Structure formats: C-alpha cells, structure tokens
Amino acid sequence: MTVQNTYKDLPRLKILGINSSEMRILRKNVELALQELALALPLEQVETLDQLLEYDISGIPALALDGKVILQREVPSVHDLKILLQNLFLLDSTNKNTEL
C-alpha cells in the first residue's frame, strides 16, 4: 500500500512582508535552501496588512513555520536557512518520537 502525502499533511512555510527587495531575497533563499535539502514544502506569501497583523511580529520580512514565527527582521543566507530548517525538522521529529 502506498501512502501519498498531500500539502495539508506537510509543514507550512510562510514568508511575511510586503513586496520588498528583502522579502524577495528571503523567498529566493528559502526556495534554494529547500531545494538543497530536497524538501518539497509549500511556500506561501503573506502580504496583506490584515493577514500580517495576525502574526506577532515586530518587523518584516519574517518567516513562519506552521503559524509560528521562526525569524523576523533579517534575511539569512541559504546556508543559515538550511541549518535552521534541519534543526527545526530534527527537533520536530524527535518530539514526535518521544510522544509515541
């Protein structure tokens, strides 16, 4: 039996901000980091003021994973994003294993 992942089953990454050069660079760096890690995660943009106000951020651009802001007011390099994502997913899988 084959189990097929759907986007609703995957963690959600969201780029928060207005369409600025910093936001475009952050998006590109996140896309490259995901590609280099062979992670096919959906990446969304949140740009409207009403939607941005739903997040507890003090500045943009920002990056959220499953609704939790994981960085803001900075544009990390592809290398730094890879480390961040690897650590987040390692911790997440460790937490899931300890709950079983």
Protein backbone atom coordinates (compact mmCIF):
# COMPACT_ATOMS: atom_id res chain seq x y z
CA MET A 1 0.00 0.00 0.00
CA THR A 2 1.38 3.41 -0.97
CA VAL A 3 0.76 6.42 1.24
CA GLN A 4 0.66 9.68 -0.64
CA ASN A 5 1.48 12.93 1.14
CA THR A 6 -0.76 15.87 0.43
CA TYR A 7 0.09 19.50 1.05
CA LYS A 8 -2.28 19.57 4.01
CA ASP A 9 -0.09 16.95 5.71
CA LEU A 10 3.14 18.92 5.24
CA PRO A 11 4.50 21.72 7.41
CA ARG A 12 3.65 25.17 6.05
CA LEU A 13 6.26 27.84 5.49
CA LYS A 14 5.10 31.42 5.03
CA ILE A 15 7.07 34.50 4.04
CA LEU A 16 5.62 37.52 5.83
CA GLY A 17 6.03 41.02 4.48
CA ILE A 18 5.28 43.47 1.74
CA ASN A 19 6.70 43.01 -1.73
CA SER A 20 10.11 44.48 -0.91
CA SER A 21 13.56 43.55 -2.15
CA GLU A 22 14.34 41.99 1.26
CA MET A 23 11.24 39.82 1.05
CA ARG A 24 12.12 38.68 -2.47
CA ILE A 25 15.66 37.78 -1.34
CA LEU A 26 14.31 35.88 1.68
CA ARG A 27 11.90 33.96 -0.55
CA LYS A 28 14.67 33.07 -3.00
CA ASN A 29 16.99 31.96 -0.17
CA VAL A 30 14.25 29.81 1.38
CA GLU A 31 13.49 28.24 -2.01
CA LEU A 32 17.18 27.44 -2.55
CA ALA A 33 17.56 26.02 0.97
CA LEU A 34 14.51 23.79 0.49
CA GLN A 35 15.82 22.66 -2.88
CA GLU A 36 19.29 21.85 -1.50
CA LEU A 37 17.70 19.90 1.38
CA ALA A 38 15.39 18.09 -1.07
CA LEU A 39 12.34 19.29 0.88
CA ALA A 40 9.21 19.79 -1.18
CA LEU A 41 7.31 22.03 1.21
CA PRO A 42 4.66 24.53 0.20
CA LEU A 43 5.89 28.11 0.48
CA GLU A 44 3.30 30.85 0.75
CA GLN A 45 3.48 34.63 0.91
CA VAL A 46 1.51 36.76 3.35
CA GLU A 47 1.40 40.35 2.15
CA THR A 48 -1.85 41.97 3.21
CA LEU A 49 -1.88 44.11 6.33
CA ASP A 50 -4.84 42.25 7.85
CA GLN A 51 -3.05 38.91 7.47
CA LEU A 52 0.28 40.29 8.74
CA LEU A 53 -1.43 41.59 11.88
CA GLU A 54 -2.46 38.02 12.74
CA TYR A 55 1.21 37.25 13.48
CA ASP A 56 3.09 38.58 16.49
CA ILE A 57 5.95 40.20 14.57
CA SER A 58 7.90 43.35 15.28
CA GLY A 59 9.30 43.68 11.78
CA ILE A 60 9.41 42.29 8.28
CA PRO A 61 10.42 40.29 6.41
CA ALA A 62 9.64 37.30 8.59
CA LEU A 63 9.36 33.55 8.17
CA ALA A 64 6.73 31.38 9.85
CA LEU A 65 6.51 27.60 10.10
CA ASP A 66 3.04 26.23 10.80
CA GLY A 67 1.92 29.64 12.05
CA LYS A 68 4.87 30.14 14.44
CA VAL A 69 7.29 32.93 13.55
CA ILE A 70 10.80 31.49 13.41
CA LEU A 71 12.67 34.59 12.26
CA GLN A 72 11.99 38.24 11.60
CA ARG A 73 13.71 41.45 10.57
CA GLU A 74 16.54 39.56 8.89
CA VAL A 75 17.41 37.82 5.65
CA PRO A 76 19.58 34.79 6.47
CA SER A 77 21.86 33.22 3.90
CA VAL A 78 20.90 29.97 2.18
CA HIS A 79 23.45 28.17 4.38
CA ASP A 80 21.95 29.59 7.60
CA LEU A 81 18.42 28.74 6.47
CA LYS A 82 19.49 25.16 5.75
CA ILE A 83 20.86 24.84 9.28
CA LEU A 84 17.70 26.38 10.75
CA LEU A 85 15.39 24.10 8.78
CA GLN A 86 17.46 20.99 9.53
CA ASN A 87 17.37 21.78 13.25
CA LEU A 88 13.65 22.51 13.23
CA PHE A 89 12.78 19.28 11.47
CA LEU A 90 15.19 17.25 13.58
CA LEU A 91 13.66 18.65 16.76
CA ASP A 92 10.16 18.16 15.39
CA SER A 93 10.79 14.51 14.51
CA THR A 94 12.48 13.95 17.89
CA ASN A 95 9.45 15.38 19.68
CA LYS A 96 7.10 13.16 17.70
CA ASN A 97 9.16 10.07 18.51
CA THR A 98 9.12 10.80 22.24
CA GLU A 99 5.33 11.21 22.24
CA LEU A 100 4.71 7.70 20.93
